Amino acid sequence: SYSVPTWAQRISVSGDAVVPVANCDVKEYNSNPKEQLPFKEYIHYWKEYIKNGYRSSRGCLYLKDWHLSRAFPEQDVYTTPVYFSSDWLNEYWDAIAVDDYRFVYMGPKG
C-alpha cells in the first residue's frame, strides 16, 4: 500500500514549514510551475489524493527541492551515504553557511 511516509507526518506536526510544490499536470516553459504551501497542507493534500483514487482537482502535486535539513537543523534528518562520504559540495556550503545541496523530493504516485 502506498502512503505518506511516517517521518513526514511527524515533521508536519512540529511546525509551520513552507515547502516548494510543483504541479506535475501543468507545463510552463518546459517545466512544472511551483508554489509555496504549508507542509501541513501538503500532507493533507497527499492523504486526500490517495483516498480519492489518486485524483485531485488541484492536479498531481509533488514536493520538490525542499531544503529540509536547513529548515530543521535540530532534527538531524540527513546523513551522507557512505559511498558519497566525501561530500565536498555540502562541506563547502556548510563552512560558509550560505546554501546546501540536500534536497527532499516526495509525492504521490502518478
Protein backbone atom coordinates (compact mmCIF):
# COMPACT_ATOMS: atom_id res chain seq x y z
CA SER A 1 0.00 0.00 0.00
CA TYR A 2 1.20 3.48 -0.86
CA SER A 3 1.03 6.09 1.88
CA VAL A 4 2.57 9.27 3.26
CA PRO A 5 5.91 8.47 4.96
CA THR A 6 5.71 8.32 8.77
CA TRP A 7 8.64 10.73 9.21
CA ALA A 8 6.85 13.27 7.00
CA GLN A 9 3.78 13.11 9.21
CA ARG A 10 5.93 13.72 12.31
CA ILE A 11 7.53 16.82 10.79
CA SER A 12 4.17 18.19 9.71
CA VAL A 13 3.13 18.33 13.35
CA SER A 14 6.32 20.03 14.52
CA GLY A 15 5.99 23.39 12.80
CA ASP A 16 4.64 25.57 10.07
CA ALA A 17 7.27 24.86 7.42
CA VAL A 18 6.52 26.17 3.94
CA VAL A 19 7.61 23.89 1.09
CA PRO A 20 8.05 24.21 -2.70
CA VAL A 21 5.44 22.16 -4.57
CA ALA A 22 5.34 21.51 -8.32
CA ASN A 23 2.12 20.85 -10.22
CA CYS A 24 3.01 17.88 -12.43
CA ASP A 25 -0.16 18.29 -14.52
CA VAL A 26 0.88 21.72 -15.85
CA LYS A 27 3.81 22.64 -18.10
CA GLU A 28 5.26 26.16 -18.30
CA TYR A 29 8.42 26.78 -20.30
CA ASN A 30 9.26 23.05 -20.32
CA SER A 31 8.93 22.87 -16.53
CA ASN A 32 6.24 22.48 -13.88
CA PRO A 33 5.11 25.64 -12.10
CA LYS A 34 5.87 25.70 -8.39
CA GLU A 35 4.05 27.26 -5.49
CA GLN A 36 4.81 27.52 -1.80
CA LEU A 37 2.48 25.57 0.51
CA PRO A 38 2.48 24.97 4.25
CA PHE A 39 3.85 21.45 4.76
CA LYS A 40 0.79 20.50 6.84
CA GLU A 41 -1.44 21.45 3.90
CA TYR A 42 0.69 19.38 1.52
CA ILE A 43 0.45 16.29 3.76
CA HIS A 44 -3.33 16.77 3.97
CA TYR A 45 -3.49 17.08 0.16
CA TRP A 46 -1.41 13.88 -0.25
CA LYS A 47 -3.67 11.86 2.06
CA GLU A 48 -6.79 13.12 0.24
CA TYR A 49 -5.18 12.39 -3.15
CA ILE A 50 -4.65 8.75 -2.12
CA LYS A 51 -8.14 8.48 -0.59
CA ASN A 52 -9.70 9.84 -3.83
CA GLY A 53 -8.11 7.18 -6.03
CA TYR A 54 -5.03 9.26 -6.90
CA ARG A 55 -7.05 12.18 -8.24
CA SER A 56 -7.49 15.80 -7.19
CA SER A 57 -8.93 18.96 -8.70
CA ARG A 58 -5.56 20.53 -7.79
CA GLY A 59 -3.70 18.08 -10.02
CA CYS A 60 -0.75 15.90 -9.06
CA LEU A 61 1.38 17.97 -6.67
CA TYR A 62 4.96 16.92 -5.97
CA LEU A 63 7.16 18.34 -3.23
CA LYS A 64 10.43 19.26 -4.95
CA ASP A 65 13.71 20.92 -3.92
CA TRP A 66 12.88 21.29 -0.22
CA HIS A 67 15.93 22.07 1.93
CA LEU A 68 14.63 20.01 4.87
CA SER A 69 17.91 19.77 6.78
CA ARG A 70 18.34 23.54 6.54
CA ALA A 71 14.74 24.14 7.70
CA PHE A 72 15.03 21.73 10.65
CA PRO A 73 18.74 21.64 11.63
CA GLU A 74 17.93 20.35 15.12
CA GLN A 75 16.27 17.19 13.74
CA ASP A 76 19.35 15.62 12.07
CA VAL A 77 17.34 14.37 9.09
CA TYR A 78 20.25 13.95 6.69
CA THR A 79 23.19 11.55 6.69
CA THR A 80 25.52 11.36 3.70
CA PRO A 81 25.54 7.79 2.33
CA VAL A 82 28.89 6.08 2.94
CA TYR A 83 29.67 5.87 -0.79
CA PHE A 84 29.41 9.64 -1.02
CA SER A 85 31.11 10.41 2.29
CA SER A 86 33.40 12.93 0.65
CA ASP A 87 30.51 15.39 0.34
CA TRP A 88 32.67 18.30 -0.78
CA LEU A 89 29.79 20.44 -2.08
CA ASN A 90 27.99 20.42 1.26
CA GLU A 91 31.25 20.72 3.19
CA TYR A 92 31.90 23.97 1.31
CA TRP A 93 28.37 25.35 1.73
CA ASP A 94 28.26 24.36 5.41
CA ALA A 95 31.56 26.17 6.02
CA ILE A 96 30.24 29.47 4.65
CA ALA A 97 26.65 28.90 5.91
CA VAL A 98 25.01 30.10 2.69
CA ASP A 99 23.34 27.14 0.97
CA ASP A 100 23.34 23.36 0.70
CA TYR A 101 22.75 20.57 -1.78
CA ARG A 102 20.43 18.49 0.42
CA PHE A 103 17.00 18.29 -1.14
CA VAL A 104 13.82 16.35 -0.43
CA TYR A 105 11.64 15.12 -3.27
CA MET A 106 8.41 13.31 -2.47
CA GLY A 107 4.83 12.95 -3.52
CA PRO A 108 2.04 10.64 -4.52
CA LYS A 109 2.29 8.19 -7.36
CA GLY A 110 1.06 9.44 -10.68
